[in-house]
N, C-alpha and C. Protein backbone atom coordinates (compact mmCIF):
# COMPACT_ATOMS: atom_id res chain seq x y z
N UNK A 1 10.39 -18.11 10.33
CA UNK A 1 9.89 -18.58 9.14
C UNK A 1 8.83 -19.90 9.29
N UNK A 2 7.69 -19.54 8.56
CA UNK A 2 6.82 -20.54 8.61
C UNK A 2 7.20 -21.64 7.50
N UNK A 3 6.37 -22.89 7.90
CA UNK A 3 6.80 -24.00 7.04
C UNK A 3 6.08 -24.01 6.11
N UNK A 4 6.37 -24.53 4.77
CA UNK A 4 5.57 -24.78 3.39
C UNK A 4 3.86 -24.85 3.74
N UNK A 5 3.94 -26.34 4.63
CA UNK A 5 2.66 -26.65 4.80
C UNK A 5 1.94 -25.67 5.50
N UNK A 6 2.22 -24.83 6.38
CA UNK A 6 1.47 -23.73 7.08
C UNK A 6 0.92 -22.88 6.01
N UNK A 7 1.88 -22.03 5.20
CA UNK A 7 1.55 -21.11 4.46
C UNK A 7 0.65 -21.56 3.37
N UNK A 8 0.49 -22.73 2.84
CA UNK A 8 -0.26 -23.29 1.93
C UNK A 8 -1.38 -23.77 2.38
N UNK A 9 -1.67 -24.02 4.01
CA UNK A 9 -2.88 -24.36 4.71
C UNK A 9 -3.57 -22.73 4.79
N UNK A 10 -2.78 -21.59 4.85
CA UNK A 10 -3.29 -20.44 5.12
C UNK A 10 -4.13 -20.15 4.01
N UNK A 11 -3.46 -20.30 2.63
CA UNK A 11 -3.78 -19.94 1.46
C UNK A 11 -5.08 -20.79 1.15
N UNK A 12 -4.94 -22.23 1.41
CA UNK A 12 -6.58 -23.24 0.96
C UNK A 12 -7.48 -22.71 2.04
N UNK A 13 -7.35 -22.23 3.09
CA UNK A 13 -8.46 -21.90 3.97
C UNK A 13 -8.98 -20.26 3.82
N UNK A 14 -8.34 -19.46 2.92
CA UNK A 14 -8.67 -17.98 2.93
C UNK A 14 -9.67 -17.88 1.96
N UNK A 15 -10.51 -16.80 2.14
CA UNK A 15 -11.64 -16.45 1.28
C UNK A 15 -11.23 -15.31 0.13
N UNK A 16 -11.20 -15.71 -0.80
CA UNK A 16 -10.95 -14.65 -1.93
C UNK A 16 -11.91 -13.32 -2.15
N UNK A 17 -11.25 -12.49 -1.84
CA UNK A 17 -12.04 -10.89 -1.97
C UNK A 17 -11.91 -10.47 -3.28
N UNK A 18 -10.68 -10.68 -4.09
CA UNK A 18 -10.71 -9.89 -5.26
C UNK A 18 -9.78 -10.87 -6.11
N UNK A 19 -10.39 -11.06 -7.47
CA UNK A 19 -9.48 -11.60 -8.47
C UNK A 19 -8.59 -10.80 -9.22
N UNK A 20 -7.56 -11.35 -9.87
CA UNK A 20 -6.62 -10.52 -10.25
C UNK A 20 -7.22 -9.70 -11.26
N UNK A 21 -8.22 -10.04 -12.14
CA UNK A 21 -9.00 -9.45 -13.15
C UNK A 21 -9.70 -8.11 -12.48
N UNK A 22 -10.20 -8.36 -11.62
CA UNK A 22 -11.03 -7.23 -10.65
C UNK A 22 -9.92 -6.11 -10.30
N UNK A 23 -8.59 -6.68 -9.65
CA UNK A 23 -7.62 -5.67 -9.18
C UNK A 23 -6.99 -4.92 -10.57
N UNK A 24 -6.74 -5.74 -11.56
CA UNK A 24 -6.17 -4.98 -12.78
C UNK A 24 -7.12 -3.75 -13.29
N UNK A 25 -8.46 -4.00 -13.11
CA UNK A 25 -9.56 -3.02 -13.68
C UNK A 25 -9.62 -1.95 -12.45
N UNK A 26 -9.34 -2.21 -11.36
CA UNK A 26 -9.49 -1.17 -10.35
C UNK A 26 -8.04 -0.30 -10.29
N UNK A 27 -6.81 -0.89 -10.69
CA UNK A 27 -5.68 -0.18 -11.06
C UNK A 27 -6.07 0.62 -12.17
N UNK A 28 -6.52 -0.05 -13.47
CA UNK A 28 -6.57 0.96 -14.63
C UNK A 28 -7.46 2.30 -13.98
N UNK A 29 -8.65 1.97 -13.37
CA UNK A 29 -9.54 3.27 -12.98
C UNK A 29 -8.64 4.16 -12.23
N UNK A 30 -7.89 3.77 -11.21
CA UNK A 30 -7.14 4.74 -10.48
C UNK A 30 -6.04 5.50 -11.18
N UNK A 31 -5.64 4.95 -12.09
CA UNK A 31 -4.32 5.29 -12.94
C UNK A 31 -4.89 6.56 -13.81
N UNK A 32 -6.21 6.49 -14.28
CA UNK A 32 -6.83 7.50 -14.85
C UNK A 32 -7.11 8.42 -13.99
N UNK A 33 -7.60 8.30 -13.08
CA UNK A 33 -7.71 9.36 -12.01
C UNK A 33 -6.47 10.12 -11.65
N UNK A 34 -5.38 9.35 -11.46
CA UNK A 34 -4.03 9.95 -10.97
C UNK A 34 -3.38 10.71 -12.16
N UNK A 35 -3.77 10.30 -13.31
CA UNK A 35 -3.23 10.68 -14.69
C UNK A 35 -3.99 12.22 -14.75
N UNK A 36 -5.24 12.30 -14.51
CA UNK A 36 -6.01 13.40 -14.65
C UNK A 36 -5.51 14.43 -13.52
N UNK A 37 -5.08 14.00 -12.35
CA UNK A 37 -4.84 15.02 -11.22
C UNK A 37 -3.30 15.12 -11.24
N UNK A 38 -2.60 14.48 -11.93
CA UNK A 38 -0.99 14.86 -11.99
C UNK A 38 -0.30 14.67 -13.04
N UNK A 39 -0.98 15.05 -14.13
CA UNK A 39 -0.07 14.86 -15.43
C UNK A 39 0.68 15.98 -15.82
N UNK A 40 0.48 17.16 -15.29
CA UNK A 40 1.41 18.28 -15.23
C UNK A 40 2.23 18.58 -13.95
N UNK A 41 2.07 17.87 -13.16
CA UNK A 41 2.99 17.91 -11.74
C UNK A 41 4.15 17.59 -11.49
N UNK A 42 4.72 16.92 -12.53
CA UNK A 42 5.92 15.90 -12.48
C UNK A 42 6.15 15.35 -11.10
N UNK A 43 5.39 14.68 -10.80
CA UNK A 43 5.45 13.92 -9.13
C UNK A 43 6.48 12.99 -8.96
N UNK A 44 6.70 12.91 -7.53
CA UNK A 44 7.59 12.06 -7.31
C UNK A 44 6.72 10.98 -6.60
N UNK A 45 6.85 9.81 -7.26
CA UNK A 45 5.91 8.76 -6.53
C UNK A 45 6.94 7.76 -5.49
N UNK A 46 6.33 7.66 -4.21
CA UNK A 46 7.27 7.07 -3.24
C UNK A 46 6.69 5.50 -2.82
N UNK A 47 7.14 4.75 -3.33
CA UNK A 47 6.48 3.26 -3.02
C UNK A 47 6.84 2.86 -1.37
N UNK A 48 5.94 2.42 -0.74
CA UNK A 48 6.22 2.14 0.68
C UNK A 48 6.69 0.51 0.73
N UNK A 49 7.79 0.22 0.92
CA UNK A 49 8.23 -1.11 1.11
C UNK A 49 7.68 -1.69 2.42
N UNK A 50 7.26 -3.12 2.26
CA UNK A 50 7.63 -4.11 1.17
C UNK A 50 6.20 -4.15 0.36
N UNK A 51 5.11 -3.77 1.12
CA UNK A 51 3.68 -4.20 0.52
C UNK A 51 3.20 -3.45 -0.57
N UNK A 52 3.87 -1.89 -0.90
CA UNK A 52 3.55 -1.32 -1.95
C UNK A 52 4.39 -1.69 -3.16
N UNK A 53 5.19 -2.56 -3.41
CA UNK A 53 5.90 -3.21 -4.43
C UNK A 53 5.14 -3.39 -5.68
N UNK A 54 4.21 -4.41 -5.17
CA UNK A 54 3.35 -4.96 -6.27
C UNK A 54 2.22 -4.05 -6.77
N UNK A 55 1.47 -3.21 -5.81
CA UNK A 55 0.65 -2.40 -6.53
C UNK A 55 1.27 -1.01 -7.45
N UNK A 56 2.31 -0.83 -6.65
CA UNK A 56 3.03 0.33 -7.55
C UNK A 56 3.50 -0.11 -8.60
N UNK A 57 4.12 -1.72 -8.71
CA UNK A 57 4.68 -1.96 -10.23
C UNK A 57 3.28 -2.08 -11.29
N UNK A 58 2.27 -2.37 -10.60
CA UNK A 58 1.25 -2.66 -11.83
C UNK A 58 0.59 -1.27 -12.02
N UNK A 59 0.75 -0.04 -11.08
CA UNK A 59 0.28 0.81 -11.35
C UNK A 59 1.16 1.89 -12.20
N UNK A 60 2.57 2.04 -11.94
CA UNK A 60 3.21 2.77 -12.77
C UNK A 60 3.23 2.81 -14.22
N UNK A 61 3.28 1.32 -14.66
CA UNK A 61 3.15 1.43 -16.15
C UNK A 61 1.84 1.94 -16.80
N UNK A 62 0.96 2.45 -16.08
CA UNK A 62 -0.26 2.76 -16.53
C UNK A 62 -0.37 4.28 -16.53
N UNK A 63 0.67 5.03 -15.87
CA UNK A 63 0.86 6.37 -15.92
C UNK A 63 1.52 6.97 -16.81
N UNK A 64 1.22 7.57 -17.84
CA UNK A 64 1.73 8.30 -18.93
C UNK A 64 2.06 9.53 -18.83
N UNK A 65 3.17 10.10 -18.14
CA UNK A 65 3.54 11.39 -17.77
C UNK A 65 4.71 11.43 -17.37
N UNK A 66 5.38 12.55 -17.09
CA UNK A 66 6.73 12.66 -16.63
C UNK A 66 6.54 12.61 -15.11
N UNK A 67 7.31 11.52 -14.45
CA UNK A 67 7.26 11.26 -12.98
C UNK A 67 8.60 10.86 -12.56
N UNK A 68 9.07 10.79 -11.39
CA UNK A 68 10.11 9.90 -10.88
C UNK A 68 9.59 9.15 -9.80
N UNK A 69 10.58 8.17 -9.50
CA UNK A 69 9.89 6.94 -8.52
C UNK A 69 11.21 6.84 -7.46
N UNK A 70 10.95 6.76 -6.35
CA UNK A 70 11.84 6.26 -5.19
C UNK A 70 10.94 5.37 -4.17
N UNK A 71 11.55 5.08 -3.20
CA UNK A 71 10.99 4.34 -2.17
C UNK A 71 11.26 4.85 -0.65
N UNK A 72 10.31 4.59 0.21
CA UNK A 72 10.42 4.47 1.74
C UNK A 72 10.26 3.26 2.51
N UNK A 73 10.97 2.93 3.47
CA UNK A 73 10.64 1.49 4.08
C UNK A 73 10.55 1.82 5.32
N UNK A 74 8.99 1.86 5.78
CA UNK A 74 8.62 2.02 7.10
C UNK A 74 7.73 1.00 7.42
N UNK A 75 7.85 0.37 8.44
CA UNK A 75 6.92 -0.50 8.87
C UNK A 75 6.30 -0.60 10.19
N UNK A 76 5.19 -1.20 10.52
CA UNK A 76 4.49 -1.34 11.85
C UNK A 76 4.56 -2.63 12.05
N UNK A 77 4.54 -3.67 11.10
CA UNK A 77 4.22 -5.04 11.26
C UNK A 77 5.45 -6.05 11.48
N UNK A 78 6.43 -5.85 10.85
CA UNK A 78 7.77 -6.72 10.56
C UNK A 78 7.23 -8.09 10.82
N UNK A 79 6.64 -8.64 9.80
CA UNK A 79 5.96 -9.82 9.38
C UNK A 79 5.11 -10.40 10.67
N UNK A 80 4.44 -9.64 11.43
CA UNK A 80 3.34 -9.99 12.31
C UNK A 80 1.93 -9.70 11.78
N UNK A 81 1.30 -10.29 12.54
CA UNK A 81 -0.20 -9.72 12.04
C UNK A 81 -0.91 -8.64 12.68
N UNK A 82 -0.01 -8.02 13.55
CA UNK A 82 -0.57 -6.79 14.56
C UNK A 82 0.86 -5.64 14.33
N UNK A 83 0.32 -4.35 14.11
CA UNK A 83 1.07 -3.51 14.02
C UNK A 83 1.41 -2.82 15.45
N UNK A 84 2.88 -2.58 15.40
CA UNK A 84 3.33 -1.86 16.60
C UNK A 84 3.91 -0.37 16.26
N UNK A 85 4.90 -0.08 16.94
CA UNK A 85 5.37 1.23 16.75
C UNK A 85 6.00 1.07 15.28
N UNK A 86 6.33 2.31 14.64
CA UNK A 86 6.81 2.63 13.31
C UNK A 86 8.13 2.33 13.34
N UNK A 87 8.86 1.60 12.55
CA UNK A 87 10.16 1.38 12.40
C UNK A 87 10.72 1.70 10.97
N UNK A 88 11.39 2.82 10.92
CA UNK A 88 12.00 3.25 9.63
C UNK A 88 13.21 2.64 9.05
N UNK A 89 12.96 1.84 8.19
CA UNK A 89 14.32 1.01 7.56
C UNK A 89 15.22 1.85 6.71
N UNK A 90 14.51 2.80 5.85
CA UNK A 90 15.03 3.60 4.68
C UNK A 90 14.19 4.66 4.24
N UNK A 91 14.76 5.69 4.15
CA UNK A 91 14.25 6.91 3.58
C UNK A 91 14.58 7.08 2.20
N UNK A 92 13.77 8.17 1.35
CA UNK A 92 14.41 8.29 0.07
C UNK A 92 15.38 8.81 -0.17
N UNK A 93 16.09 8.93 -1.34
CA UNK A 93 17.24 9.52 -1.76
C UNK A 93 16.94 10.80 -2.40
N UNK A 94 15.70 10.80 -3.06
CA UNK A 94 15.49 11.82 -3.95
C UNK A 94 14.91 13.05 -2.93
N UNK A 95 15.33 14.25 -3.44
CA UNK A 95 14.80 15.62 -2.68
C UNK A 95 13.45 15.89 -2.74
N UNK A 96 12.82 15.93 -1.92
CA UNK A 96 11.37 16.13 -1.84
C UNK A 96 10.92 17.61 -1.49
N UNK A 97 11.81 18.77 -1.47
CA UNK A 97 11.62 20.10 -1.49
C UNK A 97 10.99 20.42 -2.70
N UNK A 98 9.81 21.27 -2.42
CA UNK A 98 8.81 21.78 -3.67
C UNK A 98 8.55 20.59 -4.50
N UNK A 99 8.48 19.50 -4.15
CA UNK A 99 7.67 18.50 -5.23
C UNK A 99 6.23 18.10 -4.52
N UNK A 100 5.67 17.65 -5.35
CA UNK A 100 4.30 16.88 -5.41
C UNK A 100 4.73 15.58 -5.08
N UNK A 101 4.44 14.85 -3.92
CA UNK A 101 4.73 13.41 -3.62
C UNK A 101 3.47 12.73 -3.54
N UNK A 102 3.59 11.60 -4.18
CA UNK A 102 2.57 10.73 -3.72
C UNK A 102 3.13 9.40 -3.43
N UNK A 103 2.81 8.83 -2.25
CA UNK A 103 2.86 7.88 -1.45
C UNK A 103 2.13 6.74 -1.96
N UNK A 104 2.76 5.57 -2.24
CA UNK A 104 1.83 4.43 -2.71
C UNK A 104 2.08 3.11 -1.65
N UNK A 105 0.93 2.81 -1.24
CA UNK A 105 1.21 1.66 -0.32
C UNK A 105 -0.15 0.72 -0.83
N UNK A 106 0.14 -0.24 0.09
CA UNK A 106 -0.77 -1.45 0.02
C UNK A 106 -2.13 -1.46 0.14
N UNK A 107 -2.15 -0.70 1.77
CA UNK A 107 -3.48 -1.00 2.46
C UNK A 107 -3.50 0.37 3.55
N UNK A 108 -4.76 0.92 3.39
CA UNK A 108 -5.03 1.93 4.45
C UNK A 108 -5.79 1.11 5.43
N UNK A 109 -5.20 0.67 6.47
CA UNK A 109 -5.79 0.00 7.79
C UNK A 109 -5.91 1.08 8.71
N UNK A 110 -4.81 0.90 9.85
CA UNK A 110 -5.03 1.95 10.87
C UNK A 110 -4.66 3.15 10.60
N UNK A 111 -4.07 3.34 9.44
CA UNK A 111 -3.48 4.63 9.00
C UNK A 111 -2.29 5.15 9.62
N UNK A 112 -1.82 4.71 10.44
CA UNK A 112 -0.46 5.20 11.27
C UNK A 112 0.75 5.36 10.41
N UNK A 113 1.20 4.34 9.60
CA UNK A 113 2.14 4.37 8.58
C UNK A 113 2.11 5.45 7.61
N UNK A 114 0.78 5.49 7.03
CA UNK A 114 0.76 6.40 5.96
C UNK A 114 0.74 8.01 6.68
N UNK A 115 0.03 8.17 7.81
CA UNK A 115 0.38 9.35 8.36
C UNK A 115 1.41 9.61 8.75
N UNK A 116 2.34 8.82 9.27
CA UNK A 116 4.00 9.17 9.50
C UNK A 116 4.83 9.27 8.28
N UNK A 117 4.57 8.84 7.45
CA UNK A 117 5.46 8.89 6.06
C UNK A 117 4.66 10.31 5.49
N UNK A 118 3.69 10.77 5.71
CA UNK A 118 2.94 12.13 4.84
C UNK A 118 3.57 13.21 5.87
N UNK A 119 3.57 12.75 7.09
CA UNK A 119 4.30 13.73 8.04
C UNK A 119 5.79 14.10 7.79
N UNK A 120 6.39 13.05 7.43
CA UNK A 120 7.92 12.94 7.27
C UNK A 120 8.00 13.78 5.84
N UNK A 121 7.33 13.55 4.91
CA UNK A 121 7.14 14.42 3.58
C UNK A 121 6.97 15.78 3.73
N UNK A 122 6.20 16.15 4.61
CA UNK A 122 5.75 17.60 4.79
C UNK A 122 7.07 18.09 5.38
N UNK A 123 7.73 17.55 6.39
CA UNK A 123 8.66 18.11 7.22
C UNK A 123 10.17 18.35 6.42
N UNK A 124 10.06 17.35 5.05
CA UNK A 124 11.05 17.64 4.14
C UNK A 124 10.75 18.65 2.97
N UNK A 125 9.89 19.52 3.30
CA UNK A 125 9.57 20.52 2.26
C UNK A 125 8.70 20.13 1.18
N UNK A 126 7.92 19.19 0.96
CA UNK A 126 7.24 18.70 -0.25
C UNK A 126 6.27 19.93 -0.32
N UNK A 127 6.01 20.07 -1.55
CA UNK A 127 5.01 21.19 -1.92
C UNK A 127 3.60 20.62 -1.86
N UNK A 128 3.47 19.26 -1.89
CA UNK A 128 2.05 18.64 -1.68
C UNK A 128 2.23 17.30 -1.61
N UNK A 129 1.62 16.66 -0.58
CA UNK A 129 1.68 15.24 -0.28
C UNK A 129 0.22 14.50 -0.54
N UNK A 130 0.34 13.53 -1.60
CA UNK A 130 -0.86 12.97 -1.64
C UNK A 130 -0.65 11.38 -1.52
N UNK A 131 -1.57 10.54 -1.43
CA UNK A 131 -1.52 9.24 -1.05
C UNK A 131 -2.54 8.29 -1.72
N UNK A 132 -1.81 7.23 -1.94
CA UNK A 132 -2.57 5.93 -3.04
C UNK A 132 -2.40 4.74 -1.88
N UNK A 133 -3.70 4.24 -1.97
CA UNK A 133 -3.39 2.90 -1.29
C UNK A 133 -4.23 1.79 -2.14
N UNK A 134 -3.65 0.58 -2.31
CA UNK A 134 -4.29 -0.24 -3.21
C UNK A 134 -5.77 -0.53 -2.62
N UNK A 135 -5.85 -0.85 -1.45
CA UNK A 135 -6.91 -1.30 -0.74
C UNK A 135 -7.29 -0.19 0.53
N UNK A 136 -8.33 0.11 0.64
CA UNK A 136 -9.03 1.20 2.02
C UNK A 136 -9.84 -0.29 2.27
N UNK A 137 -9.33 -0.42 3.65
CA UNK A 137 -10.01 -1.41 4.52
C UNK A 137 -10.87 -0.68 5.47
N UNK A 138 -12.13 -1.03 5.39
CA UNK A 138 -13.12 -0.63 5.97
C UNK A 138 -12.94 -0.98 7.44
N UNK A 139 -12.05 -0.27 8.33
CA UNK A 139 -11.79 -0.38 9.63
C UNK A 139 -11.67 0.50 10.55
N UNK A 140 -11.70 0.56 11.77
CA UNK A 140 -11.39 1.98 12.58
C UNK A 140 -10.16 2.31 12.28
N UNK A 141 -9.82 3.47 12.31
CA UNK A 141 -8.42 3.97 12.08
C UNK A 141 -8.13 4.26 13.43
N UNK A 142 -6.75 4.01 13.60
CA UNK A 142 -5.92 4.37 14.68
C UNK A 142 -5.78 5.94 15.04
N UNK A 143 -5.84 6.02 16.48
CA UNK A 143 -5.60 7.57 16.75
C UNK A 143 -4.45 7.94 16.31
N UNK A 144 -4.41 9.17 15.49
CA UNK A 144 -3.41 9.74 14.91
C UNK A 144 -3.07 9.07 13.49
N UNK A 145 -4.01 8.18 12.98
CA UNK A 145 -3.87 7.77 11.68
C UNK A 145 -4.66 8.43 10.74
N UNK A 146 -4.13 8.38 9.53
CA UNK A 146 -4.68 8.70 8.28
C UNK A 146 -6.19 8.25 8.06
N UNK A 147 -7.17 9.10 7.93
CA UNK A 147 -8.37 8.50 7.88
C UNK A 147 -8.92 8.51 6.24
N UNK A 148 -8.19 8.89 5.25
CA UNK A 148 -8.70 8.57 3.90
C UNK A 148 -7.41 8.76 3.08
N UNK A 149 -7.37 8.31 1.76
CA UNK A 149 -6.31 8.54 1.03
C UNK A 149 -6.87 9.16 -0.08
N UNK A 150 -6.10 9.80 -0.98
CA UNK A 150 -6.26 10.47 -1.99
C UNK A 150 -6.77 9.65 -3.24
N UNK A 151 -6.27 8.56 -3.42
CA UNK A 151 -6.23 7.64 -4.60
C UNK A 151 -6.39 6.28 -3.86
N UNK A 152 -7.75 5.44 -4.11
CA UNK A 152 -7.63 4.00 -3.73
C UNK A 152 -8.43 3.12 -4.88
N UNK A 153 -7.90 1.89 -5.24
CA UNK A 153 -8.43 1.17 -5.98
C UNK A 153 -9.57 0.25 -5.47
N UNK A 154 -9.34 -0.18 -4.32
CA UNK A 154 -10.38 -1.15 -3.81
C UNK A 154 -10.64 -0.65 -2.42
N UNK A 155 -12.00 -1.39 -2.06
CA UNK A 155 -12.22 -1.24 -0.71
C UNK A 155 -12.51 -2.67 -0.43
N UNK A 156 -12.31 -2.95 1.22
CA UNK A 156 -12.39 -4.40 1.52
C UNK A 156 -13.06 -4.29 2.97
N UNK A 157 -13.50 -5.65 3.38
CA UNK A 157 -14.21 -5.56 4.62
C UNK A 157 -12.77 -5.64 5.55
N UNK A 158 -13.49 -5.28 6.98
CA UNK A 158 -12.41 -5.47 8.13
C UNK A 158 -11.88 -6.64 8.62
N UNK A 159 -11.11 -7.44 7.45
CA UNK A 159 -10.80 -8.59 8.03
C UNK A 159 -9.13 -8.46 7.53
N UNK A 160 -8.33 -9.64 8.08
CA UNK A 160 -6.82 -9.68 7.74
C UNK A 160 -6.79 -10.24 6.25
N UNK A 161 -5.97 -9.41 5.26
CA UNK A 161 -5.92 -9.58 3.94
C UNK A 161 -4.50 -10.00 3.70
N UNK A 162 -4.33 -10.73 2.45
CA UNK A 162 -2.96 -11.09 2.07
C UNK A 162 -3.15 -11.24 0.37
N UNK A 163 -2.28 -11.12 -0.12
CA UNK A 163 -2.01 -11.30 -1.76
C UNK A 163 -1.84 -9.75 -2.49
N UNK A 164 -1.28 -9.63 -3.50
CA UNK A 164 -1.17 -8.63 -4.41
C UNK A 164 -0.31 -7.53 -3.66
N UNK A 165 0.70 -8.07 -2.84
CA UNK A 165 1.53 -7.13 -2.03
C UNK A 165 1.24 -7.24 -0.61
N UNK A 166 -0.03 -7.53 -0.15
CA UNK A 166 -0.37 -7.84 1.35
C UNK A 166 0.28 -8.96 1.84
N UNK A 167 0.63 -8.94 2.80
CA UNK A 167 1.24 -10.27 3.34
C UNK A 167 0.68 -10.88 4.66
N UNK A 168 1.00 -12.06 4.89
CA UNK A 168 0.59 -12.80 5.84
C UNK A 168 1.93 -13.22 6.42
N UNK A 169 2.48 -12.67 7.75
CA UNK A 169 3.64 -13.19 8.46
C UNK A 169 4.68 -13.01 7.46
N UNK A 170 4.68 -12.12 6.36
CA UNK A 170 5.96 -11.88 5.57
C UNK A 170 5.71 -12.92 4.14
N UNK A 171 4.52 -13.74 4.34
CA UNK A 171 4.19 -14.82 3.00
C UNK A 171 3.02 -14.16 2.34
N UNK A 172 2.85 -14.65 1.17
CA UNK A 172 1.55 -14.62 0.27
C UNK A 172 1.39 -13.47 -0.35
N UNK A 173 2.48 -12.52 -0.35
CA UNK A 173 2.36 -11.28 -1.27
C UNK A 173 2.04 -11.41 -2.48
N UNK A 174 2.36 -12.85 -3.14
CA UNK A 174 2.53 -13.07 -4.28
C UNK A 174 1.04 -13.71 -4.70
N UNK A 175 0.31 -13.92 -3.74
CA UNK A 175 -1.10 -14.63 -4.03
C UNK A 175 -1.98 -14.04 -5.30
N UNK A 176 -2.23 -14.66 -5.93
CA UNK A 176 -2.93 -14.47 -6.96
C UNK A 176 -4.59 -13.56 -6.72
N UNK A 177 -4.55 -12.56 -6.32
CA UNK A 177 -5.54 -11.92 -5.97
C UNK A 177 -5.60 -11.34 -4.42
N UNK A 178 -6.65 -10.79 -4.04
CA UNK A 178 -6.47 -10.58 -2.20
C UNK A 178 -7.65 -11.37 -1.84
N UNK A 179 -6.89 -11.77 -0.58
CA UNK A 179 -7.54 -12.83 0.32
C UNK A 179 -7.80 -12.65 1.77
N UNK A 180 -8.87 -12.96 2.43
CA UNK A 180 -8.95 -12.79 3.74
C UNK A 180 -8.63 -14.07 4.41
N UNK A 181 -7.89 -13.79 5.39
CA UNK A 181 -7.37 -14.71 6.29
C UNK A 181 -8.39 -15.42 6.98
N UNK A 182 -8.55 -17.03 7.05
CA UNK A 182 -9.51 -17.43 7.77
C UNK A 182 -9.35 -17.20 9.34
N UNK A 183 -10.28 -17.38 10.23
CA UNK A 183 -10.29 -16.97 11.66
C UNK A 183 -9.38 -17.69 12.23
N UNK A 184 -9.33 -19.06 12.15
CA UNK A 184 -8.31 -20.11 13.07
C UNK A 184 -6.98 -19.74 12.24
N UNK A 185 -6.63 -18.99 11.26
CA UNK A 185 -5.04 -18.47 11.01
C UNK A 185 -4.96 -17.19 11.48
N UNK A 186 -5.73 -16.42 12.17
CA UNK A 186 -5.18 -15.01 12.70
C UNK A 186 -4.38 -14.99 13.91
């Protein structure tokens, strides 16, 4: 657990990358693209916890077609700033066989988490597996990681980010916008 002073200091020193208005506009745009591609596919949307909660919440109410929602909890970070091996906390309860599945996550960074979730969905018999990330971070992808996502709202520089679902050591997912952590706090 970090102190309130520490978390507030990280926030105060951070650089704002995207304002809430810019994020909402980008989500509107990606929702239109997703609607065009998915309106007749009865997809299952899988939110990747915990970071995908915020972007999924803002996205889902903009998708006006039949769909189902479930979640998967797979993480490499576990409240740290560096990812390690993938840890599965929970898998979806909804049957994936012969379904179009859309995995919604907060960020495409190294790509390992999304690649593993895509692989697992395919192993469960999904007809089609698509991916959506709020942010495509312009960073080198990890070996075996997903290189691109099917739908993305924003791109960001190769910096450690927080806000709008993205966290700093488990904190600041609720920050108003997306921010880059100052070097001294990394």
